Amino acid sequence: MLKIYTYILICNTLIILSSCNTFCQSFKENGEKIYGIDVSHYQNETSKINWRKVSQNKNPKIEFAYIRSTMGSNGKDTAFQYNYENAIKNKINVGIYHYYRPNEDAQAQFKNFAKHNTNIGELPPVIDIEQKSKFGSKKLRKELAIFLKLIEENYTKPIIYTQQKFYNMYLRNQFKEYDFWIARQSGIEKSPDNNQPKKEPILLDNRCPLIWQYSGTGTIKGIEGKVDLNITHNIFWKE
């Protein structure tokens, strides 16, 4: 009886996992696919990003770029101004992101964000959360909610970026009023159509992510070394 029950439980679990996001439009379906990158000072360490060349990429065509601006309560990305100005100059749709530190005060982080960001670009701002809090998951969500509300009240409604595993552990069924950008870096298919994504995110509450970061090892013209690659179906910055 125990063996039968265990078998049924395993089968049901597999069915649930395989059905996750079945009502979401697949990022690999035919139709409009919009590609973008996200960068920070790390992509400028070997040599500065050549944004003119980035804008000329055709496979994939880079239509949007998120640029790291601030980190925590006192950090500022050293390459932000260069990246921001040159991406806009080369007619790439630009947004900024803040690296959120759960062990630092949410209001102090907002003050740092506001101090350095009078202009936020055309895209909604993004809050990048990848670290768990030493104060526990409940405190993490409470402080994050404060930060998100401050951004929304003073700028516009932000997007939340996180890893698939982090989402399923700490953010599942939370922050339903916000869009999510989910990282599942499952590699790139080896095909003539270079830099194409493989396995899509699996979110255990069946949420449909707005953006999928499908690679952390992408290669494009204009950037030496590796870069994060992202895909979406929607021109979400013009809604």
Protein backbone atom coordinates (compact mmCIF):
# COMPACT_ATOMS: atom_id res chain seq x y z
CA MET A 1 0.00 0.00 0.00
CA LEU A 2 2.85 2.38 0.87
CA LYS A 3 4.53 1.69 -2.49
CA ILE A 4 1.29 2.37 -4.36
CA TYR A 5 0.71 5.62 -2.43
CA THR A 6 4.29 6.77 -3.05
CA TYR A 7 3.94 6.03 -6.76
CA ILE A 8 0.69 8.02 -6.98
CA LEU A 9 2.24 10.94 -5.08
CA ILE A 10 5.27 11.03 -7.39
CA CYS A 11 3.06 10.85 -10.48
CA ASN A 12 0.83 13.67 -9.22
CA THR A 13 3.87 15.82 -8.47
CA LEU A 14 5.23 15.26 -11.98
CA ILE A 15 1.85 16.13 -13.49
CA ILE A 16 1.69 19.37 -11.49
CA LEU A 17 5.22 20.37 -12.46
CA SER A 18 4.68 19.54 -16.11
CA SER A 19 1.51 21.61 -16.18
CA CYS A 20 3.05 24.74 -14.66
CA ASN A 21 2.68 27.77 -16.94
CA THR A 22 0.68 25.76 -19.49
CA PHE A 23 -1.66 28.72 -19.91
CA CYS A 24 1.24 31.14 -20.44
CA GLN A 25 2.34 31.90 -23.95
CA SER A 26 5.55 29.99 -24.54
CA PHE A 27 8.61 32.14 -25.08
CA LYS A 28 9.58 29.71 -27.86
CA GLU A 29 6.31 29.88 -29.80
CA ASN A 30 6.14 31.58 -33.13
CA GLY A 31 5.18 35.21 -32.96
CA GLU A 32 6.79 38.38 -31.71
CA LYS A 33 9.95 37.87 -29.69
CA ILE A 34 11.71 40.86 -28.19
CA TYR A 35 15.27 40.45 -26.95
CA GLY A 36 17.21 42.50 -24.45
CA ILE A 37 20.27 42.56 -22.22
CA ASP A 38 21.06 43.67 -18.69
CA VAL A 39 24.46 45.09 -17.82
CA SER A 40 26.52 46.61 -15.04
CA HIS A 41 30.12 47.71 -14.58
CA TYR A 42 31.19 44.07 -14.99
CA GLN A 43 30.63 44.26 -18.76
CA ASN A 44 32.92 47.30 -18.90
CA GLU A 45 35.91 45.83 -17.07
CA THR A 46 37.80 44.51 -20.11
CA SER A 47 36.73 47.36 -22.37
CA LYS A 48 33.79 49.72 -22.45
CA ILE A 49 30.60 48.50 -24.07
CA ASN A 50 30.33 49.68 -27.67
CA TRP A 51 26.65 50.59 -27.69
CA ARG A 52 26.68 51.42 -31.40
CA LYS A 53 27.67 47.83 -32.16
CA VAL A 54 25.16 46.51 -29.62
CA SER A 55 22.39 48.35 -31.48
CA GLN A 56 23.49 46.73 -34.76
CA ASN A 57 23.10 43.12 -33.55
CA LYS A 58 20.74 41.07 -35.67
CA ASN A 59 20.87 37.66 -34.02
CA PRO A 60 19.38 38.44 -31.64
CA LYS A 61 18.34 42.03 -32.28
CA ILE A 62 18.71 43.91 -29.00
CA GLU A 63 15.67 46.10 -28.45
CA PHE A 64 15.97 46.88 -24.76
CA ALA A 65 18.65 47.15 -22.10
CA TYR A 66 18.44 47.28 -18.33
CA ILE A 67 21.37 49.05 -16.70
CA ARG A 68 22.35 48.69 -13.07
CA SER A 69 22.22 52.02 -11.30
CA THR A 70 22.34 51.51 -7.54
CA MET A 71 22.96 48.81 -4.96
CA GLY A 72 21.60 48.69 -1.44
CA SER A 73 21.64 51.80 0.73
CA ASN A 74 24.90 53.34 -0.47
CA GLY A 75 26.13 51.70 -3.68
CA LYS A 76 26.25 53.22 -7.17
CA ASP A 77 27.39 51.37 -10.28
CA THR A 78 30.52 53.05 -11.60
CA ALA A 79 29.62 52.45 -15.25
CA PHE A 80 26.00 53.55 -14.99
CA GLN A 81 26.26 57.02 -16.52
CA TYR A 82 28.32 55.80 -19.47
CA ASN A 83 26.01 52.87 -20.16
CA TYR A 84 22.83 54.87 -19.72
CA GLU A 85 23.80 57.80 -21.94
CA ASN A 86 25.31 55.71 -24.73
CA ALA A 87 22.50 53.17 -24.86
CA ILE A 88 19.98 56.01 -25.28
CA LYS A 89 22.23 57.71 -27.83
CA ASN A 90 22.11 54.55 -29.93
CA LYS A 91 18.32 54.32 -29.75
CA ILE A 92 18.02 51.30 -27.46
CA ASN A 93 15.04 51.29 -25.10
CA VAL A 94 16.59 51.76 -21.67
CA GLY A 95 15.58 51.01 -18.10
CA ILE A 96 17.46 50.96 -14.82
CA TYR A 97 17.66 48.42 -12.04
CA HIS A 98 18.46 48.53 -8.35
CA TYR A 99 20.22 45.63 -6.64
CA TYR A 100 18.18 45.13 -3.49
CA ARG A 101 19.95 44.04 -0.30
CA PRO A 102 17.46 42.39 2.08
CA ASN A 103 19.65 42.95 5.14
CA GLU A 104 19.59 46.73 4.67
CA ASP A 105 16.75 49.12 5.48
CA ALA A 106 14.22 49.55 2.66
CA GLN A 107 13.79 53.30 3.16
CA ALA A 108 17.56 53.85 3.20
CA GLN A 109 17.80 51.93 -0.06
CA PHE A 110 15.10 54.08 -1.59
CA LYS A 111 16.95 57.25 -0.56
CA ASN A 112 20.03 55.95 -2.34
CA PHE A 113 17.96 55.12 -5.43
CA ALA A 114 16.27 58.54 -5.47
CA LYS A 115 19.56 60.38 -4.92
CA HIS A 116 21.08 58.98 -8.09
CA ASN A 117 18.05 58.55 -10.36
CA THR A 118 16.14 61.61 -11.48
CA ASN A 119 15.70 59.95 -14.88
CA ILE A 120 14.85 56.26 -15.07
CA GLY A 121 14.63 55.70 -18.82
CA GLU A 122 11.69 54.52 -20.87
CA LEU A 123 11.23 51.13 -19.24
CA PRO A 124 9.73 50.51 -15.79
CA PRO A 125 12.40 50.35 -13.09
CA VAL A 126 13.44 46.89 -11.90
CA ILE A 127 14.17 45.68 -8.38
CA ASP A 128 16.72 42.86 -8.43
CA ILE A 129 16.31 40.59 -5.39
CA GLU A 130 18.40 37.44 -5.17
CA GLN A 131 19.55 37.20 -1.54
CA LYS A 132 17.62 35.83 1.41
CA SER A 133 17.34 37.92 4.57
CA LYS A 134 19.06 37.07 7.84
CA PHE A 135 15.85 38.31 9.48
CA GLY A 136 13.70 35.66 7.80
CA SER A 137 11.39 35.46 4.79
CA LYS A 138 8.49 37.35 6.41
CA LYS A 139 10.72 40.35 7.15
CA LEU A 140 12.19 40.11 3.66
CA ARG A 141 8.75 40.40 2.06
CA LYS A 142 7.66 43.20 4.40
CA GLU A 143 10.70 45.36 3.66
CA LEU A 144 10.55 44.60 -0.05
CA ALA A 145 6.90 45.70 -0.10
CA ILE A 146 7.91 49.04 1.47
CA PHE A 147 10.62 49.58 -1.14
CA LEU A 148 8.35 48.66 -4.05
CA LYS A 149 5.66 51.04 -2.81
CA LEU A 150 8.13 53.91 -2.52
CA ILE A 151 9.31 53.34 -6.08
CA GLU A 152 5.74 53.16 -7.35
CA GLU A 153 4.65 56.32 -5.50
CA ASN A 154 7.63 58.38 -6.67
CA TYR A 155 8.28 56.94 -10.14
CA THR A 156 6.07 54.21 -11.60
CA LYS A 157 5.19 50.60 -10.85
CA PRO A 158 8.40 48.55 -10.89
CA ILE A 159 9.14 45.03 -12.10
CA ILE A 160 10.66 42.43 -9.77
CA TYR A 161 13.65 40.42 -10.98
CA THR A 162 14.72 37.20 -9.31
CA GLN A 163 15.95 33.67 -9.91
CA GLN A 164 13.44 30.85 -10.48
CA LYS A 165 14.58 29.01 -7.33
CA PHE A 166 14.41 32.14 -5.16
CA TYR A 167 10.93 32.93 -6.46
CA ASN A 168 9.59 29.47 -5.70
CA MET A 169 11.10 29.50 -2.21
CA TYR A 170 10.35 33.04 -1.02
CA LEU A 171 8.07 34.97 -3.40
CA ARG A 172 5.59 32.40 -4.63
CA ASN A 173 1.98 33.67 -4.45
CA GLN A 174 3.26 37.08 -3.28
CA PHE A 175 3.29 40.54 -4.90
CA LYS A 176 0.56 39.61 -7.35
CA GLU A 177 0.15 43.24 -8.43
CA TYR A 178 3.67 43.31 -9.91
CA ASP A 179 5.18 41.81 -13.03
CA PHE A 180 8.12 39.45 -12.63
CA TRP A 181 11.30 38.99 -14.57
CA ILE A 182 12.53 35.46 -13.93
CA ALA A 183 16.03 34.10 -14.45
CA ARG A 184 16.34 30.50 -15.48
CA GLN A 185 19.69 30.26 -17.19
CA SER A 186 19.28 26.84 -18.74
CA GLY A 187 21.72 27.32 -21.57
CA ILE A 188 21.47 28.12 -25.25
CA GLU A 189 20.41 25.76 -28.01
CA LYS A 190 23.08 24.86 -30.53
CA SER A 191 21.45 25.79 -33.79
CA PRO A 192 22.00 28.09 -36.77
CA ASP A 193 19.75 30.55 -34.92
CA ASN A 194 22.40 31.53 -32.38
CA ASN A 195 21.70 32.55 -28.76
CA GLN A 196 18.26 30.92 -28.63
CA PRO A 197 16.80 29.92 -25.23
CA LYS A 198 16.18 26.37 -24.04
CA LYS A 199 14.13 25.53 -20.91
CA GLU A 200 11.57 28.09 -19.75
CA PRO A 201 10.97 29.08 -16.11
CA ILE A 202 8.75 26.82 -14.00
CA LEU A 203 6.93 28.85 -11.35
CA LEU A 204 5.05 26.69 -8.87
CA ASP A 205 2.10 29.09 -8.60
CA ASN A 206 1.64 29.17 -12.41
CA ARG A 207 2.51 32.86 -12.65
CA CYS A 208 3.40 34.01 -16.15
CA PRO A 209 6.68 35.98 -16.09
CA LEU A 210 6.84 39.13 -18.18
CA ILE A 211 10.54 38.66 -19.01
CA TRP A 212 12.72 35.57 -19.01
CA GLN A 213 16.48 35.80 -18.49
CA TYR A 214 17.51 32.68 -20.34
CA SER A 215 21.29 32.98 -20.39
CA GLY A 216 24.09 34.46 -18.36
CA THR A 217 26.70 33.50 -20.93
CA GLY A 218 25.40 35.17 -24.08
CA THR A 219 27.68 36.75 -26.66
CA ILE A 220 26.81 39.77 -28.77
CA LYS A 221 28.66 42.35 -30.83
CA GLY A 222 29.80 45.34 -28.81
CA ILE A 223 30.42 43.51 -25.54
CA GLU A 224 33.60 41.62 -24.76
CA GLY A 225 32.92 38.54 -22.69
CA LYS A 226 29.57 37.20 -21.51
CA VAL A 227 26.29 39.04 -21.04
CA ASP A 228 22.81 38.20 -19.74
CA LEU A 229 20.24 37.62 -22.48
CA ASN A 230 16.50 38.14 -22.02
CA ILE A 231 13.32 37.61 -23.98
CA THR A 232 9.75 38.91 -23.75
CA HIS A 233 6.65 38.82 -25.92
CA ASN A 234 5.45 42.29 -25.02
CA ILE A 235 6.61 45.81 -25.72
CA PHE A 236 5.81 46.36 -22.05
CA TRP A 237 7.29 49.86 -21.91
CA LYS A 238 4.62 51.23 -24.28
CA GLU A 239 1.54 49.85 -22.52
